[in-house]
Amino acid sequence: MPKPPTVETTEVVADPANDRRHRRRFTGEYKLRILGLVDACKGRGKVAALLRQEGLYSSQLTDWRKQLRGTPPTDGSHLSVLHALDRVHEANRCGDPAA
């Protein structure tokens, strides 16, 4: 008795229930808050612990700092972001819990 023909497919289709790919998007407020917390970290391993807690990578901090210091948009909206970051830094230096 002959074997039934084997159908070979090379296409791999991911099960949508297991598809975990997504790009996270962070608001400007979140970025400023995290940068402020990182700047307030004192002691060995504190920044790494914060990054693990938030599920972030150090390269993201670098990118966010570059965004803040980058070429300003022509509409002047960068000024509010930079002023907000300055307020966060100042509050962290003074120990103000409102930051």
C-alpha atoms as a PDB file:
ATOM      1  CA  MET A   1       0.000   0.000   0.000  1.00  0.00           C
ATOM      2  CA  PRO A   2       1.554   3.351  -1.029  1.00  0.00           C
ATOM      3  CA  LYS A   3       2.069   6.140   1.485  1.00  0.00           C
ATOM      4  CA  PRO A   4      -0.158   9.181   1.145  1.00  0.00           C
ATOM      5  CA  PRO A   5       1.618  12.177  -0.400  1.00  0.00           C
ATOM      6  CA  THR A   6       3.285  14.459   2.121  1.00  0.00           C
ATOM      7  CA  VAL A   7       2.517  18.123   1.849  1.00  0.00           C
ATOM      8  CA  GLU A   8       5.539  20.170   2.792  1.00  0.00           C
ATOM      9  CA  THR A   9       5.155  23.798   3.679  1.00  0.00           C
ATOM     10  CA  THR A  10       7.966  26.107   4.574  1.00  0.00           C
ATOM     11  CA  GLU A  11       5.757  28.954   5.731  1.00  0.00           C
ATOM     12  CA  VAL A  12       5.792  29.608   9.460  1.00  0.00           C
ATOM     13  CA  VAL A  13       2.782  31.455  10.805  1.00  0.00           C
ATOM     14  CA  ALA A  14       2.888  32.872  14.317  1.00  0.00           C
ATOM     15  CA  ASP A  15      -0.064  32.198  16.542  1.00  0.00           C
ATOM     16  CA  PRO A  16      -1.613  35.627  17.234  1.00  0.00           C
ATOM     17  CA  ALA A  17      -2.173  34.645  20.866  1.00  0.00           C
ATOM     18  CA  ASN A  18       1.599  34.209  21.316  1.00  0.00           C
ATOM     19  CA  ASP A  19       2.704  37.201  19.250  1.00  0.00           C
ATOM     20  CA  ARG A  20       4.334  39.543  21.770  1.00  0.00           C
ATOM     21  CA  ARG A  21       5.961  42.005  19.397  1.00  0.00           C
ATOM     22  CA  HIS A  22       5.120  45.612  20.086  1.00  0.00           C
ATOM     23  CA  ARG A  23       6.983  48.873  20.276  1.00  0.00           C
ATOM     24  CA  ARG A  24       6.626  50.736  23.516  1.00  0.00           C
ATOM     25  CA  ARG A  25       5.999  54.441  23.333  1.00  0.00           C
ATOM     26  CA  PHE A  26       6.917  56.715  26.221  1.00  0.00           C
ATOM     27  CA  THR A  27       5.386  60.098  26.899  1.00  0.00           C
ATOM     28  CA  GLY A  28       7.543  63.144  27.430  1.00  0.00           C
ATOM     29  CA  GLU A  29       6.361  63.333  31.039  1.00  0.00           C
ATOM     30  CA  TYR A  30       7.477  59.756  31.681  1.00  0.00           C
ATOM     31  CA  LYS A  31      10.888  60.394  30.117  1.00  0.00           C
ATOM     32  CA  LEU A  32      11.387  63.504  32.237  1.00  0.00           C
ATOM     33  CA  ARG A  33      10.321  61.667  35.388  1.00  0.00           C
ATOM     34  CA  ILE A  34      12.724  58.798  34.759  1.00  0.00           C
ATOM     35  CA  LEU A  35      15.606  61.126  33.884  1.00  0.00           C
ATOM     36  CA  GLY A  36      14.942  63.023  37.110  1.00  0.00           C
ATOM     37  CA  LEU A  37      14.927  59.821  39.133  1.00  0.00           C
ATOM     38  CA  VAL A  38      18.154  58.668  37.486  1.00  0.00           C
ATOM     39  CA  ASP A  39      19.843  61.976  38.259  1.00  0.00           C
ATOM     40  CA  ALA A  40      18.725  61.647  41.894  1.00  0.00           C
ATOM     41  CA  CYS A  41      20.187  58.135  42.226  1.00  0.00           C
ATOM     42  CA  LYS A  42      23.149  58.069  44.554  1.00  0.00           C
ATOM     43  CA  GLY A  43      25.169  55.005  45.316  1.00  0.00           C
ATOM     44  CA  ARG A  44      26.421  52.030  43.448  1.00  0.00           C
ATOM     45  CA  GLY A  45      23.828  50.070  41.472  1.00  0.00           C
ATOM     46  CA  LYS A  46      20.910  52.447  42.089  1.00  0.00           C
ATOM     47  CA  VAL A  47      20.519  53.423  38.430  1.00  0.00           C
ATOM     48  CA  ALA A  48      20.701  49.793  37.329  1.00  0.00           C
ATOM     49  CA  ALA A  49      18.046  48.853  39.886  1.00  0.00           C
ATOM     50  CA  LEU A  50      15.767  51.626  38.635  1.00  0.00           C
ATOM     51  CA  LEU A  51      16.242  50.545  35.018  1.00  0.00           C
ATOM     52  CA  ARG A  52      15.404  46.928  35.903  1.00  0.00           C
ATOM     53  CA  GLN A  53      12.340  48.038  37.850  1.00  0.00           C
ATOM     54  CA  GLU A  54      11.070  50.091  34.912  1.00  0.00           C
ATOM     55  CA  GLY A  55      12.114  47.573  32.252  1.00  0.00           C
ATOM     56  CA  LEU A  56      14.395  50.072  30.524  1.00  0.00           C
ATOM     57  CA  TYR A  57      17.864  50.000  29.005  1.00  0.00           C
ATOM     58  CA  SER A  58      20.655  52.501  29.581  1.00  0.00           C
ATOM     59  CA  SER A  59      20.701  53.227  25.851  1.00  0.00           C
ATOM     60  CA  GLN A  60      17.173  54.606  26.188  1.00  0.00           C
ATOM     61  CA  LEU A  61      18.389  57.108  28.773  1.00  0.00           C
ATOM     62  CA  THR A  62      21.128  58.153  26.380  1.00  0.00           C
ATOM     63  CA  ASP A  63      18.627  58.606  23.557  1.00  0.00           C
ATOM     64  CA  TRP A  64      16.247  60.583  25.758  1.00  0.00           C
ATOM     65  CA  ARG A  65      19.042  62.906  26.872  1.00  0.00           C
ATOM     66  CA  LYS A  66      20.027  63.428  23.247  1.00  0.00           C
ATOM     67  CA  GLN A  67      16.410  64.260  22.429  1.00  0.00           C
ATOM     68  CA  LEU A  68      16.402  66.904  25.141  1.00  0.00           C
ATOM     69  CA  ARG A  69      19.675  68.406  23.991  1.00  0.00           C
ATOM     70  CA  GLY A  70      19.034  67.916  20.285  1.00  0.00           C
ATOM     71  CA  THR A  71      18.084  70.376  17.630  1.00  0.00           C
ATOM     72  CA  PRO A  72      15.124  72.373  18.880  1.00  0.00           C
ATOM     73  CA  PRO A  73      11.945  72.467  16.830  1.00  0.00           C
ATOM     74  CA  THR A  74      11.101  75.806  15.255  1.00  0.00           C
ATOM     75  CA  ASP A  75       7.811  76.192  17.166  1.00  0.00           C
ATOM     76  CA  GLY A  76       9.581  76.698  20.522  1.00  0.00           C
ATOM     77  CA  SER A  77       7.959  73.675  22.171  1.00  0.00           C
ATOM     78  CA  HIS A  78      11.387  72.404  23.222  1.00  0.00           C
ATOM     79  CA  LEU A  79      11.637  75.209  25.750  1.00  0.00           C
ATOM     80  CA  SER A  80       8.855  73.821  27.926  1.00  0.00           C
ATOM     81  CA  VAL A  81      10.523  70.395  27.950  1.00  0.00           C
ATOM     82  CA  LEU A  82      13.906  71.844  28.907  1.00  0.00           C
ATOM     83  CA  HIS A  83      12.359  74.045  31.604  1.00  0.00           C
ATOM     84  CA  ALA A  84      10.502  71.034  32.987  1.00  0.00           C
ATOM     85  CA  LEU A  85      13.741  69.057  33.110  1.00  0.00           C
ATOM     86  CA  ASP A  86      15.470  71.946  34.878  1.00  0.00           C
ATOM     87  CA  ARG A  87      12.659  72.006  37.469  1.00  0.00           C
ATOM     88  CA  VAL A  88      13.020  68.257  38.011  1.00  0.00           C
ATOM     89  CA  HIS A  89      16.794  68.592  38.474  1.00  0.00           C
ATOM     90  CA  GLU A  90      16.379  71.522  40.886  1.00  0.00           C
ATOM     91  CA  ALA A  91      13.729  69.687  42.921  1.00  0.00           C
ATOM     92  CA  ASN A  92      15.968  66.620  43.164  1.00  0.00           C
ATOM     93  CA  ARG A  93      18.872  68.724  44.412  1.00  0.00           C
ATOM     94  CA  CYS A  94      16.680  70.338  47.081  1.00  0.00           C
ATOM     95  CA  GLY A  95      15.027  67.085  48.127  1.00  0.00           C
ATOM     96  CA  ASP A  96      11.550  68.305  47.212  1.00  0.00           C
ATOM     97  CA  PRO A  97       9.141  65.318  47.180  1.00  0.00           C
ATOM     98  CA  ALA A  98       6.834  67.135  44.730  1.00  0.00           C
ATOM     99  CA  ALA A  99       9.131  66.213  41.850  1.00  0.00           C
END
